[in-house]
Amino acid sequence: MSTLSRKDVAHLARLARLAVTDEELDLFAGQLAAVLDAVAQVGRAGVEDVPPTTHAVPMTNVFRADVVRPSLAPEVVLAGAPAAEDGRFRVPRILGEEA
């Protein structure tokens, strides 16, 4: 098991701008050591004969073809809107931008 000193944990906390107590330094030292050991164990896995992949299972395109089809007329859609202007939905300004 990897060991991290209280000094190491205090340094990491300072880098992360975290305020930690003395009790937390001891607790985090053990927890971080366990994480580092788990990462090291994964790093020791024999993967030389495993080809690189982007997914664990084969993926196929699940998108349908982009085909133009009839839809609602803009007037019908905008008729249900609380507010419309110039053929578009009118929404409240939220960022304070100038028009």
PDB file of N, CA and C in Angstrom:
ATOM      1  N   MET A   1       0.849  -1.185   0.000  1.00  0.00           N
ATOM      2  CA  MET A   1       0.000   0.000   0.000  1.00  0.00           C
ATOM      3  C   MET A   1       0.882   1.231   0.000  1.00  0.00           C
ATOM      4  N   SER A   2       0.533   2.186  -0.856  1.00  0.00           N
ATOM      5  CA  SER A   2       1.266   3.445  -0.909  1.00  0.00           C
ATOM      6  C   SER A   2       1.026   4.217   0.379  1.00  0.00           C
ATOM      7  N   THR A   3       2.019   4.989   0.757  1.00  0.00           N
ATOM      8  CA  THR A   3       1.828   5.829   1.930  1.00  0.00           C
ATOM      9  C   THR A   3       2.021   7.273   1.536  1.00  0.00           C
ATOM     10  N   LEU A   4       1.153   8.090   2.045  1.00  0.00           N
ATOM     11  CA  LEU A   4       1.256   9.526   1.858  1.00  0.00           C
ATOM     12  C   LEU A   4       1.430  10.141   3.234  1.00  0.00           C
ATOM     13  N   SER A   5       2.356  11.021   3.340  1.00  0.00           N
ATOM     14  CA  SER A   5       2.558  11.678   4.626  1.00  0.00           C
ATOM     15  C   SER A   5       1.533  12.791   4.807  1.00  0.00           C
ATOM     16  N   ARG A   6       1.396  13.226   6.060  1.00  0.00           N
ATOM     17  CA  ARG A   6       0.516  14.358   6.335  1.00  0.00           C
ATOM     18  C   ARG A   6       0.994  15.578   5.556  1.00  0.00           C
ATOM     19  N   LYS A   7       2.320  15.687   5.397  1.00  0.00           N
ATOM     20  CA  LYS A   7       2.885  16.816   4.661  1.00  0.00           C
ATOM     21  C   LYS A   7       2.440  16.779   3.195  1.00  0.00           C
ATOM     22  N   ASP A   8       2.435  15.568   2.604  1.00  0.00           N
ATOM     23  CA  ASP A   8       1.982  15.412   1.217  1.00  0.00           C
ATOM     24  C   ASP A   8       0.519  15.832   1.071  1.00  0.00           C
ATOM     25  N   VAL A   9      -0.308  15.369   1.996  1.00  0.00           N
ATOM     26  CA  VAL A   9      -1.736  15.678   1.936  1.00  0.00           C
ATOM     27  C   VAL A   9      -1.957  17.172   2.165  1.00  0.00           C
ATOM     28  N   ALA A  10      -1.224  17.757   3.093  1.00  0.00           N
ATOM     29  CA  ALA A  10      -1.347  19.195   3.349  1.00  0.00           C
ATOM     30  C   ALA A  10      -0.946  19.987   2.109  1.00  0.00           C
ATOM     31  N   HIS A  11       0.083  19.523   1.412  1.00  0.00           N
ATOM     32  CA  HIS A  11       0.519  20.192   0.184  1.00  0.00           C
ATOM     33  C   HIS A  11      -0.566  20.108  -0.890  1.00  0.00           C
ATOM     34  N   LEU A  12      -1.142  18.911  -1.059  1.00  0.00           N
ATOM     35  CA  LEU A  12      -2.221  18.747  -2.042  1.00  0.00           C
ATOM     36  C   LEU A  12      -3.426  19.614  -1.685  1.00  0.00           C
ATOM     37  N   ALA A  13      -3.754  19.679  -0.405  1.00  0.00           N
ATOM     38  CA  ALA A  13      -4.881  20.510   0.022  1.00  0.00           C
ATOM     39  C   ALA A  13      -4.604  21.982  -0.263  1.00  0.00           C
ATOM     40  N   ARG A  14      -3.384  22.399  -0.024  1.00  0.00           N
ATOM     41  CA  ARG A  14      -3.022  23.794  -0.292  1.00  0.00           C
ATOM     42  C   ARG A  14      -3.120  24.085  -1.789  1.00  0.00           C
ATOM     43  N   LEU A  15      -2.651  23.162  -2.622  1.00  0.00           N
ATOM     44  CA  LEU A  15      -2.749  23.346  -4.073  1.00  0.00           C
ATOM     45  C   LEU A  15      -4.210  23.442  -4.526  1.00  0.00           C
ATOM     46  N   ALA A  16      -5.074  22.659  -3.865  1.00  0.00           N
ATOM     47  CA  ALA A  16      -6.491  22.663  -4.220  1.00  0.00           C
ATOM     48  C   ALA A  16      -7.259  23.755  -3.485  1.00  0.00           C
ATOM     49  N   ARG A  17      -6.540  24.532  -2.695  1.00  0.00           N
ATOM     50  CA  ARG A  17      -7.144  25.618  -1.914  1.00  0.00           C
ATOM     51  C   ARG A  17      -8.245  25.102  -0.989  1.00  0.00           C
ATOM     52  N   LEU A  18      -7.933  23.986  -0.311  1.00  0.00           N
ATOM     53  CA  LEU A  18      -8.858  23.386   0.639  1.00  0.00           C
ATOM     54  C   LEU A  18      -8.338  23.592   2.051  1.00  0.00           C
ATOM     55  N   ALA A  19      -9.214  23.985   2.937  1.00  0.00           N
ATOM     56  CA  ALA A  19      -8.855  24.088   4.353  1.00  0.00           C
ATOM     57  C   ALA A  19      -9.180  22.748   5.005  1.00  0.00           C
ATOM     58  N   VAL A  20      -8.182  22.083   5.560  1.00  0.00           N
ATOM     59  CA  VAL A  20      -8.398  20.784   6.196  1.00  0.00           C
ATOM     60  C   VAL A  20      -7.888  20.823   7.625  1.00  0.00           C
ATOM     61  N   THR A  21      -8.548  20.054   8.466  1.00  0.00           N
ATOM     62  CA  THR A  21      -8.145  19.965   9.865  1.00  0.00           C
ATOM     63  C   THR A  21      -7.085  18.890  10.021  1.00  0.00           C
ATOM     64  N   ASP A  22      -6.474  18.814  11.194  1.00  0.00           N
ATOM     65  CA  ASP A  22      -5.479  17.772  11.459  1.00  0.00           C
ATOM     66  C   ASP A  22      -6.088  16.382  11.342  1.00  0.00           C
ATOM     67  N   GLU A  23      -7.331  16.232  11.821  1.00  0.00           N
ATOM     68  CA  GLU A  23      -7.999  14.926  11.725  1.00  0.00           C
ATOM     69  C   GLU A  23      -8.237  14.552  10.263  1.00  0.00           C
ATOM     70  N   GLU A  24      -8.610  15.554   9.450  1.00  0.00           N
ATOM     71  CA  GLU A  24      -8.852  15.289   8.034  1.00  0.00           C
ATOM     72  C   GLU A  24      -7.566  14.921   7.312  1.00  0.00           C
ATOM     73  N   LEU A  25      -6.438  15.490   7.708  1.00  0.00           N
ATOM     74  CA  LEU A  25      -5.163  15.128   7.087  1.00  0.00           C
ATOM     75  C   LEU A  25      -4.904  13.636   7.249  1.00  0.00           C
ATOM     76  N   ASP A  26      -5.142  13.111   8.453  1.00  0.00           N
ATOM     77  CA  ASP A  26      -4.934  11.679   8.681  1.00  0.00           C
ATOM     78  C   ASP A  26      -5.922  10.843   7.874  1.00  0.00           C
ATOM     79  N   LEU A  27      -7.185  11.264   7.885  1.00  0.00           N
ATOM     80  CA  LEU A  27      -8.224  10.538   7.149  1.00  0.00           C
ATOM     81  C   LEU A  27      -7.931  10.540   5.653  1.00  0.00           C
ATOM     82  N   PHE A  28      -7.640  11.722   5.108  1.00  0.00           N
ATOM     83  CA  PHE A  28      -7.398  11.836   3.667  1.00  0.00           C
ATOM     84  C   PHE A  28      -6.133  11.113   3.235  1.00  0.00           C
ATOM     85  N   ALA A  29      -5.128  11.066   4.092  1.00  0.00           N
ATOM     86  CA  ALA A  29      -3.893  10.355   3.745  1.00  0.00           C
ATOM     87  C   ALA A  29      -4.199   8.887   3.467  1.00  0.00           C
ATOM     88  N   GLY A  30      -5.012   8.274   4.309  1.00  0.00           N
ATOM     89  CA  GLY A  30      -5.384   6.877   4.096  1.00  0.00           C
ATOM     90  C   GLY A  30      -6.242   6.683   2.868  1.00  0.00           C
ATOM     91  N   GLN A  31      -7.197   7.588   2.670  1.00  0.00           N
ATOM     92  CA  GLN A  31      -8.084   7.477   1.517  1.00  0.00           C
ATOM     93  C   GLN A  31      -7.334   7.681   0.205  1.00  0.00           C
ATOM     94  N   LEU A  32      -6.453   8.675   0.172  1.00  0.00           N
ATOM     95  CA  LEU A  32      -5.680   8.924  -1.051  1.00  0.00           C
ATOM     96  C   LEU A  32      -4.733   7.773  -1.348  1.00  0.00           C
ATOM     97  N   ALA A  33      -4.164   7.177  -0.311  1.00  0.00           N
ATOM     98  CA  ALA A  33      -3.290   6.024  -0.512  1.00  0.00           C
ATOM     99  C   ALA A  33      -4.067   4.872  -1.134  1.00  0.00           C
ATOM    100  N   ALA A  34      -5.305   4.656  -0.677  1.00  0.00           N
ATOM    101  CA  ALA A  34      -6.131   3.586  -1.250  1.00  0.00           C
ATOM    102  C   ALA A  34      -6.442   3.865  -2.721  1.00  0.00           C
ATOM    103  N   VAL A  35      -6.712   5.106  -3.062  1.00  0.00           N
ATOM    104  CA  VAL A  35      -6.988   5.472  -4.454  1.00  0.00           C
ATOM    105  C   VAL A  35      -5.742   5.242  -5.312  1.00  0.00           C
ATOM    106  N   LEU A  36      -4.601   5.696  -4.826  1.00  0.00           N
ATOM    107  CA  LEU A  36      -3.356   5.508  -5.580  1.00  0.00           C
ATOM    108  C   LEU A  36      -3.038   4.033  -5.779  1.00  0.00           C
ATOM    109  N   ASP A  37      -3.296   3.214  -4.771  1.00  0.00           N
ATOM    110  CA  ASP A  37      -3.073   1.769  -4.912  1.00  0.00           C
ATOM    111  C   ASP A  37      -4.001   1.174  -5.969  1.00  0.00           C
ATOM    112  N   ALA A  38      -5.261   1.607  -6.000  1.00  0.00           N
ATOM    113  CA  ALA A  38      -6.201   1.096  -6.997  1.00  0.00           C
ATOM    114  C   ALA A  38      -5.763   1.492  -8.399  1.00  0.00           C
ATOM    115  N   VAL A  39      -5.309   2.714  -8.567  1.00  0.00           N
ATOM    116  CA  VAL A  39      -4.832   3.169  -9.872  1.00  0.00           C
ATOM    117  C   VAL A  39      -3.595   2.376 -10.282  1.00  0.00           C
ATOM    118  N   ALA A  40      -2.707   2.136  -9.351  1.00  0.00           N
ATOM    119  CA  ALA A  40      -1.498   1.359  -9.652  1.00  0.00           C
ATOM    120  C   ALA A  40      -1.861  -0.063 -10.065  1.00  0.00           C
ATOM    121  N   GLN A  41      -2.865  -0.644  -9.415  1.00  0.00           N
ATOM    122  CA  GLN A  41      -3.287  -2.001  -9.750  1.00  0.00           C
ATOM    123  C   GLN A  41      -3.841  -2.043 -11.174  1.00  0.00           C
ATOM    124  N   VAL A  42      -4.613  -1.047 -11.567  1.00  0.00           N
ATOM    125  CA  VAL A  42      -5.130  -0.991 -12.936  1.00  0.00           C
ATOM    126  C   VAL A  42      -3.971  -0.845 -13.915  1.00  0.00           C
ATOM    127  N   GLY A  43      -2.980  -0.049 -13.543  1.00  0.00           N
ATOM    128  CA  GLY A  43      -1.819   0.150 -14.406  1.00  0.00           C
ATOM    129  C   GLY A  43      -1.008  -1.117 -14.620  1.00  0.00           C
ATOM    130  N   ARG A  44      -1.123  -2.087 -13.715  1.00  0.00           N
ATOM    131  CA  ARG A  44      -0.382  -3.342 -13.847  1.00  0.00           C
ATOM    132  C   ARG A  44      -1.127  -4.393 -14.677  1.00  0.00           C
ATOM    133  N   ALA A  45      -2.323  -4.088 -15.122  1.00  0.00           N
ATOM    134  CA  ALA A  45      -3.110  -5.049 -15.900  1.00  0.00           C
ATOM    135  C   ALA A  45      -2.407  -5.348 -17.212  1.00  0.00           C
ATOM    136  N   GLY A  46      -2.427  -6.608 -17.600  1.00  0.00           N
ATOM    137  CA  GLY A  46      -1.801  -7.030 -18.855  1.00  0.00           C
ATOM    138  C   GLY A  46      -2.698  -6.721 -20.032  1.00  0.00           C
ATOM    139  N   VAL A  47      -2.439  -5.636 -20.720  1.00  0.00           N
ATOM    140  CA  VAL A  47      -3.296  -5.231 -21.834  1.00  0.00           C
ATOM    141  C   VAL A  47      -2.535  -5.142 -23.151  1.00  0.00           C
ATOM    142  N   GLU A  48      -1.373  -5.745 -23.208  1.00  0.00           N
ATOM    143  CA  GLU A  48      -0.558  -5.644 -24.415  1.00  0.00           C
ATOM    144  C   GLU A  48      -1.265  -6.208 -25.636  1.00  0.00           C
ATOM    145  N   ASP A  49      -2.073  -7.266 -25.464  1.00  0.00           N
ATOM    146  CA  ASP A  49      -2.743  -7.891 -26.602  1.00  0.00           C
ATOM    147  C   ASP A  49      -4.178  -7.397 -26.798  1.00  0.00           C
ATOM    148  N   VAL A  50      -4.575  -6.345 -26.114  1.00  0.00           N
ATOM    149  CA  VAL A  50      -5.923  -5.794 -26.227  1.00  0.00           C
ATOM    150  C   VAL A  50      -5.871  -4.580 -27.153  1.00  0.00           C
ATOM    151  N   PRO A  51      -6.615  -4.613 -28.252  1.00  0.00           N
ATOM    152  CA  PRO A  51      -6.582  -3.473 -29.180  1.00  0.00           C
ATOM    153  C   PRO A  51      -7.289  -2.263 -28.561  1.00  0.00           C
ATOM    154  N   PRO A  52      -6.809  -1.066 -28.890  1.00  0.00           N
ATOM    155  CA  PRO A  52      -7.482   0.127 -28.372  1.00  0.00           C
ATOM    156  C   PRO A  52      -8.881   0.266 -28.967  1.00  0.00           C
ATOM    157  N   THR A  53      -9.820   0.675 -28.156  1.00  0.00           N
ATOM    158  CA  THR A  53     -11.198   0.848 -28.609  1.00  0.00           C
ATOM    159  C   THR A  53     -11.764   2.148 -28.040  1.00  0.00           C
ATOM    160  N   THR A  54     -12.832   2.614 -28.647  1.00  0.00           N
ATOM    161  CA  THR A  54     -13.508   3.799 -28.111  1.00  0.00           C
ATOM    162  C   THR A  54     -14.686   3.402 -27.235  1.00  0.00           C
ATOM    163  N   HIS A  55     -15.184   2.165 -27.389  1.00  0.00           N
ATOM    164  CA  HIS A  55     -16.305   1.676 -26.601  1.00  0.00           C
ATOM    165  C   HIS A  55     -16.047   0.231 -26.199  1.00  0.00           C
ATOM    166  N   ALA A  56     -16.643  -0.176 -25.095  1.00  0.00           N
ATOM    167  CA  ALA A  56     -16.466  -1.549 -24.623  1.00  0.00           C
ATOM    168  C   ALA A  56     -17.224  -2.551 -25.489  1.00  0.00           C
ATOM    169  N   VAL A  57     -18.290  -2.093 -26.135  1.00  0.00           N
ATOM    170  CA  VAL A  57     -19.076  -2.963 -27.010  1.00  0.00           C
ATOM    171  C   VAL A  57     -19.173  -2.306 -28.377  1.00  0.00           C
ATOM    172  N   PRO A  58     -19.355  -3.090 -29.439  1.00  0.00           N
ATOM    173  CA  PRO A  58     -19.465  -2.495 -30.777  1.00  0.00           C
ATOM    174  C   PRO A  58     -20.648  -1.528 -30.838  1.00  0.00           C
ATOM    175  N   MET A  59     -20.436  -0.408 -31.514  1.00  0.00           N
ATOM    176  CA  MET A  59     -21.476   0.604 -31.644  1.00  0.00           C
ATOM    177  C   MET A  59     -21.886   0.722 -33.111  1.00  0.00           C
ATOM    178  N   THR A  60     -23.173   0.993 -33.328  1.00  0.00           N
ATOM    179  CA  THR A  60     -23.663   1.263 -34.675  1.00  0.00           C
ATOM    180  C   THR A  60     -24.395   2.592 -34.636  1.00  0.00           C
ATOM    181  N   ASN A  61     -24.503   3.225 -35.777  1.00  0.00           N
ATOM    182  CA  ASN A  61     -25.185   4.501 -35.870  1.00  0.00           C
ATOM    183  C   ASN A  61     -26.668   4.287 -35.577  1.00  0.00           C
ATOM    184  N   VAL A  62     -27.182   5.010 -34.600  1.00  0.00           N
ATOM    185  CA  VAL A  62     -28.582   4.848 -34.221  1.00  0.00           C
ATOM    186  C   VAL A  62     -29.433   6.016 -34.699  1.00  0.00           C
ATOM    187  N   PHE A  63     -28.870   6.885 -35.505  1.00  0.00           N
ATOM    188  CA  PHE A  63     -29.608   8.037 -35.995  1.00  0.00           C
ATOM    189  C   PHE A  63     -30.363   7.680 -37.268  1.00  0.00           C
ATOM    190  N   ARG A  64     -31.531   8.264 -37.426  1.00  0.00           N
ATOM    191  CA  ARG A  64     -32.289   8.049 -38.650  1.00  0.00           C
ATOM    192  C   ARG A  64     -31.767   9.001 -39.732  1.00  0.00           C
ATOM    193  N   ALA A  65     -32.121   8.740 -40.938  1.00  0.00           N
ATOM    194  CA  ALA A  65     -31.717   9.598 -42.049  1.00  0.00           C
ATOM    195  C   ALA A  65     -32.351  10.971 -41.882  1.00  0.00           C
ATOM    196  N   ASP A  66     -31.639  11.994 -42.265  1.00  0.00           N
ATOM    197  CA  ASP A  66     -32.128  13.368 -42.169  1.00  0.00           C
ATOM    198  C   ASP A  66     -32.958  13.664 -43.413  1.00  0.00           C
ATOM    199  N   VAL A  67     -34.264  13.484 -43.283  1.00  0.00           N
ATOM    200  CA  VAL A  67     -35.173  13.634 -44.410  1.00  0.00           C
ATOM    201  C   VAL A  67     -36.141  14.768 -44.102  1.00  0.00           C
ATOM    202  N   VAL A  68     -36.324  15.657 -45.075  1.00  0.00           N
ATOM    203  CA  VAL A  68     -37.269  16.757 -44.915  1.00  0.00           C
ATOM    204  C   VAL A  68     -38.675  16.182 -45.007  1.00  0.00           C
ATOM    205  N   ARG A  69     -39.500  16.512 -44.005  1.00  0.00           N
ATOM    206  CA  ARG A  69     -40.884  16.046 -43.991  1.00  0.00           C
ATOM    207  C   ARG A  69     -41.800  17.220 -43.685  1.00  0.00           C
ATOM    208  N   PRO A  70     -43.058  17.110 -44.037  1.00  0.00           N
ATOM    209  CA  PRO A  70     -43.993  18.186 -43.705  1.00  0.00           C
ATOM    210  C   PRO A  70     -44.095  18.347 -42.188  1.00  0.00           C
ATOM    211  N   SER A  71     -44.220  19.583 -41.750  1.00  0.00           N
ATOM    212  CA  SER A  71     -44.372  19.848 -40.315  1.00  0.00           C
ATOM    213  C   SER A  71     -45.387  20.961 -40.134  1.00  0.00           C
ATOM    214  N   LEU A  72     -45.548  21.415 -38.906  1.00  0.00           N
ATOM    215  CA  LEU A  72     -46.509  22.480 -38.631  1.00  0.00           C
ATOM    216  C   LEU A  72     -46.060  23.779 -39.273  1.00  0.00           C
ATOM    217  N   ALA A  73     -47.025  24.558 -39.691  1.00  0.00           N
ATOM    218  CA  ALA A  73     -46.722  25.879 -40.244  1.00  0.00           C
ATOM    219  C   ALA A  73     -46.258  26.791 -39.117  1.00  0.00           C
ATOM    220  N   PRO A  74     -45.342  27.707 -39.387  1.00  0.00           N
ATOM    221  CA  PRO A  74     -44.863  28.614 -38.332  1.00  0.00           C
ATOM    222  C   PRO A  74     -45.985  29.359 -37.624  1.00  0.00           C
ATOM    223  N   GLU A  75     -47.037  29.725 -38.355  1.00  0.00           N
ATOM    224  CA  GLU A  75     -48.147  30.443 -37.737  1.00  0.00           C
ATOM    225  C   GLU A  75     -48.847  29.590 -36.691  1.00  0.00           C
ATOM    226  N   VAL A  76     -48.972  28.301 -36.972  1.00  0.00           N
ATOM    227  CA  VAL A  76     -49.625  27.381 -36.036  1.00  0.00           C
ATOM    228  C   VAL A  76     -48.770  27.230 -34.775  1.00  0.00           C
ATOM    229  N   VAL A  77     -47.498  27.074 -34.958  1.00  0.00           N
ATOM    230  CA  VAL A  77     -46.594  26.903 -33.823  1.00  0.00           C
ATOM    231  C   VAL A  77     -46.585  28.163 -32.968  1.00  0.00           C
ATOM    232  N   LEU A  78     -46.442  29.318 -33.604  1.00  0.00           N
ATOM    233  CA  LEU A  78     -46.366  30.579 -32.860  1.00  0.00           C
ATOM    234  C   LEU A  78     -47.693  30.955 -32.216  1.00  0.00           C
ATOM    235  N   ALA A  79     -48.792  30.384 -32.702  1.00  0.00           N
ATOM    236  CA  ALA A  79     -50.096  30.681 -32.112  1.00  0.00           C
ATOM    237  C   ALA A  79     -50.164  30.188 -30.665  1.00  0.00           C
ATOM    238  N   GLY A  80     -49.403  29.155 -30.330  1.00  0.00           N
ATOM    239  CA  GLY A  80     -49.410  28.628 -28.969  1.00  0.00           C
ATOM    240  C   GLY A  80     -48.359  29.248 -28.075  1.00  0.00           C
ATOM    241  N   ALA A  81     -47.577  30.165 -28.606  1.00  0.00           N
ATOM    242  CA  ALA A  81     -46.497  30.782 -27.824  1.00  0.00           C
ATOM    243  C   ALA A  81     -47.052  31.920 -26.977  1.00  0.00           C
ATOM    244  N   PRO A  82     -46.501  32.117 -25.776  1.00  0.00           N
ATOM    245  CA  PRO A  82     -46.930  33.250 -24.954  1.00  0.00           C
ATOM    246  C   PRO A  82     -46.643  34.590 -25.629  1.00  0.00           C
ATOM    247  N   ALA A  83     -45.539  34.658 -26.394  1.00  0.00           N
ATOM    248  CA  ALA A  83     -45.190  35.887 -27.108  1.00  0.00           C
ATOM    249  C   ALA A  83     -44.391  35.518 -28.348  1.00  0.00           C
ATOM    250  N   ALA A  84     -44.660  36.252 -29.445  1.00  0.00           N
ATOM    251  CA  ALA A  84     -43.938  36.026 -30.701  1.00  0.00           C
ATOM    252  C   ALA A  84     -43.627  37.367 -31.325  1.00  0.00           C
ATOM    253  N   GLU A  85     -42.531  37.397 -32.090  1.00  0.00           N
ATOM    254  CA  GLU A  85     -42.137  38.640 -32.756  1.00  0.00           C
ATOM    255  C   GLU A  85     -41.324  38.284 -33.993  1.00  0.00           C
ATOM    256  N   ASP A  86     -41.663  38.864 -35.123  1.00  0.00           N
ATOM    257  CA  ASP A  86     -40.953  38.648 -36.382  1.00  0.00           C
ATOM    258  C   ASP A  86     -40.838  37.163 -36.735  1.00  0.00           C
ATOM    259  N   GLY A  87     -41.888  36.392 -36.492  1.00  0.00           N
ATOM    260  CA  GLY A  87     -41.893  34.981 -36.852  1.00  0.00           C
ATOM    261  C   GLY A  87     -41.060  34.105 -35.938  1.00  0.00           C
ATOM    262  N   ARG A  88     -40.730  34.595 -34.741  1.00  0.00           N
ATOM    263  CA  ARG A  88     -39.929  33.822 -33.779  1.00  0.00           C
ATOM    264  C   ARG A  88     -40.566  33.900 -32.406  1.00  0.00           C
ATOM    265  N   PHE A  89     -40.176  32.955 -31.546  1.00  0.00           N
ATOM    266  CA  PHE A  89     -40.612  33.021 -30.155  1.00  0.00           C
ATOM    267  C   PHE A  89     -39.934  34.216 -29.497  1.00  0.00           C
ATOM    268  N   ARG A  90     -40.671  34.958 -28.691  1.00  0.00           N
ATOM    269  CA  ARG A  90     -40.084  36.064 -27.935  1.00  0.00           C
ATOM    270  C   ARG A  90     -39.916  35.566 -26.508  1.00  0.00           C
ATOM    271  N   VAL A  91     -38.685  35.687 -26.010  1.00  0.00           N
ATOM    272  CA  VAL A  91     -38.379  35.238 -24.649  1.00  0.00           C
ATOM    273  C   VAL A  91     -37.771  36.403 -23.875  1.00  0.00           C
ATOM    274  N   PRO A  92     -37.867  36.368 -22.551  1.00  0.00           N
ATOM    275  CA  PRO A  92     -37.285  37.457 -21.763  1.00  0.00           C
ATOM    276  C   PRO A  92     -35.762  37.481 -21.878  1.00  0.00           C
ATOM    277  N   ARG A  93     -35.217  38.678 -21.895  1.00  0.00           N
ATOM    278  CA  ARG A  93     -33.760  38.837 -21.921  1.00  0.00           C
ATOM    279  C   ARG A  93     -33.236  38.411 -20.559  1.00  0.00           C
ATOM    280  N   ILE A  94     -32.180  37.597 -20.536  1.00  0.00           N
ATOM    281  CA  ILE A  94     -31.652  37.130 -19.258  1.00  0.00           C
ATOM    282  C   ILE A  94     -30.211  37.555 -19.003  1.00  0.00           C
ATOM    283  N   LEU A  95     -29.523  38.016 -20.000  1.00  0.00           N
ATOM    284  CA  LEU A  95     -28.109  38.351 -19.827  1.00  0.00           C
ATOM    285  C   LEU A  95     -27.840  39.836 -19.816  1.00  0.00           C
ATOM    286  N   GLY A  96     -28.858  40.650 -19.890  1.00  0.00           N
ATOM    287  CA  GLY A  96     -28.647  42.093 -19.866  1.00  0.00           C
ATOM    288  C   GLY A  96     -27.973  42.613 -21.125  1.00  0.00           C
ATOM    289  N   GLU A  97     -28.102  41.910 -22.224  1.00  0.00           N
ATOM    290  CA  GLU A  97     -27.482  42.331 -23.474  1.00  0.00           C
ATOM    291  C   GLU A  97     -28.288  43.464 -24.076  1.00  0.00           C
ATOM    292  N   GLU A  98     -27.610  44.304 -24.833  1.00  0.00           N
ATOM    293  CA  GLU A  98     -28.318  45.346 -25.560  1.00  0.00           C
ATOM    294  C   GLU A  98     -28.923  44.760 -26.816  1.00  0.00           C
ATOM    295  N   ALA A  99     -30.095  45.255 -27.181  1.00  0.00           N
ATOM    296  CA  ALA A  99     -30.792  44.723 -28.353  1.00  0.00           C
ATOM    297  C   ALA A  99     -30.122  45.123 -29.636  1.00  0.00           C
TER     298      ALA A  99
END
